[in-house]
Protein backbone atom coordinates (compact mmCIF):
# COMPACT_ATOMS: atom_id res chain seq x y z
CA UNK A 1 48.89 18.80 -4.61
CA UNK A 2 47.38 19.77 -7.91
CA UNK A 3 46.44 23.22 -9.15
CA UNK A 4 43.63 21.64 -11.15
CA UNK A 5 40.54 20.55 -9.27
CA UNK A 6 37.74 18.20 -10.26
CA UNK A 7 34.30 19.55 -9.34
CA UNK A 8 31.53 16.95 -9.42
CA UNK A 9 27.77 16.74 -8.88
CA UNK A 10 27.22 20.12 -10.53
CA UNK A 11 23.76 21.34 -11.39
CA UNK A 12 23.37 21.10 -15.18
CA UNK A 13 22.45 24.80 -15.25
CA UNK A 14 25.65 25.90 -13.45
CA UNK A 15 27.71 28.22 -15.65
CA UNK A 16 31.47 28.57 -15.84
CA UNK A 17 31.13 32.19 -14.67
CA UNK A 18 29.26 31.15 -11.51
CA UNK A 19 31.78 28.43 -10.76
CA UNK A 20 34.67 30.87 -11.27
CA UNK A 21 32.99 33.33 -8.92
CA UNK A 22 32.67 30.63 -6.24
CA UNK A 23 36.31 29.52 -6.45
CA UNK A 24 37.67 33.07 -6.72
CA UNK A 25 37.00 33.49 -2.99
CA UNK A 26 40.08 31.31 -2.41
CA UNK A 27 42.51 32.74 -4.96
CA UNK A 28 43.00 33.51 -8.61
CA UNK A 29 41.19 31.12 -10.97
CA UNK A 30 43.16 30.56 -14.17
CA UNK A 31 40.60 28.41 -16.00
CA UNK A 32 37.17 26.82 -15.66
CA UNK A 33 35.79 24.06 -17.87
CA UNK A 34 32.37 22.49 -17.35
CA UNK A 35 31.52 19.46 -19.45
CA UNK A 36 27.97 20.27 -20.53
CA UNK A 37 25.44 17.57 -19.84
CA UNK A 38 27.88 15.59 -17.68
CA UNK A 39 27.46 17.28 -14.27
CA UNK A 40 31.14 17.87 -13.64
CA UNK A 41 33.98 20.17 -14.57
CA UNK A 42 37.45 21.40 -13.73
CA UNK A 43 38.77 24.54 -12.06
CA UNK A 44 42.43 25.51 -12.24
CA UNK A 45 43.83 27.77 -9.54
CA UNK A 46 47.00 29.88 -9.77
CA UNK A 47 48.51 28.62 -6.49
CA UNK A 48 48.61 25.33 -4.62
CA UNK A 49 47.52 27.12 -1.44
CA UNK A 50 44.42 28.53 -3.13
CA UNK A 51 43.56 25.14 -4.63
CA UNK A 52 43.98 23.38 -1.28
CA UNK A 53 41.87 25.97 0.55
CA UNK A 54 39.12 25.81 -2.07
CA UNK A 55 39.10 22.01 -1.89
CA UNK A 56 38.99 22.01 1.92
CA UNK A 57 36.26 24.65 2.19
CA UNK A 58 34.03 23.74 -0.79
CA UNK A 59 34.01 19.93 -0.84
CA UNK A 60 30.60 18.79 0.38
CA UNK A 61 29.02 22.24 0.34
CA UNK A 62 25.80 23.12 -1.45
CA UNK A 63 26.08 25.10 -4.68
CA UNK A 64 23.20 25.76 -7.09
CA UNK A 65 21.05 23.31 -5.15
CA UNK A 66 23.53 20.41 -5.27
CA UNK A 67 26.12 19.13 -2.80
CA UNK A 68 29.35 19.45 -4.81
CA UNK A 69 32.42 17.23 -4.72
CA UNK A 70 35.83 18.90 -4.99
CA UNK A 71 38.98 16.78 -5.41
CA UNK A 72 42.37 17.00 -7.05
CA UNK A 73 41.99 16.32 -10.77
CA UNK A 74 43.68 13.15 -11.97
CA UNK A 75 45.98 13.34 -14.99
CA UNK A 76 44.25 12.52 -18.28
CA UNK A 77 44.17 8.80 -18.89
CA UNK A 78 44.62 7.78 -15.26
CA UNK A 79 42.03 5.18 -14.39
CA UNK A 80 40.05 4.90 -11.19
CA UNK A 81 41.02 2.11 -8.85
CA UNK A 82 38.54 -0.49 -7.77
CA UNK A 83 37.06 -3.04 -10.09
CA UNK A 84 37.65 -4.20 -13.60
CA UNK A 85 36.19 -2.77 -16.74
CA UNK A 86 33.15 -4.63 -17.93
CA UNK A 87 33.97 -4.20 -21.59
CA UNK A 88 37.43 -4.35 -23.04
CA UNK A 89 38.62 -2.80 -26.26
CA UNK A 90 40.53 -5.98 -27.15
CA UNK A 91 39.33 -8.83 -29.33
CA UNK A 92 35.92 -10.04 -28.30
CA UNK A 93 35.39 -13.70 -27.50
CA UNK A 94 32.50 -15.27 -29.31
CA UNK A 95 29.94 -16.79 -27.02
CA UNK A 96 27.49 -19.49 -27.96
CA UNK A 97 23.99 -18.17 -27.41
CA UNK A 98 20.91 -20.13 -28.26
CA UNK A 99 18.62 -18.55 -30.81
CA UNK A 100 14.96 -18.36 -29.94
């Protein structure tokens, strides 16, 4: 169980203060970070119990007009499962395209 929670599908006008107020109902919030213009952010709780309760009670609820998603945050750099990346950062293969 993580102390850091991912919060997705946020209204773009949601503030860090409002998000902190929402999660504070379930325990002490140690940090809040909303990525502006991305519709998601992270909330860090002081205890595992508080984080678990917040996740259980808030996931799928409506907040600022949007149904939010609350999950454990994945460590930085951990990739989602399911599917390959469409574009790799490795050497690109040259393809023969006809010119019009």
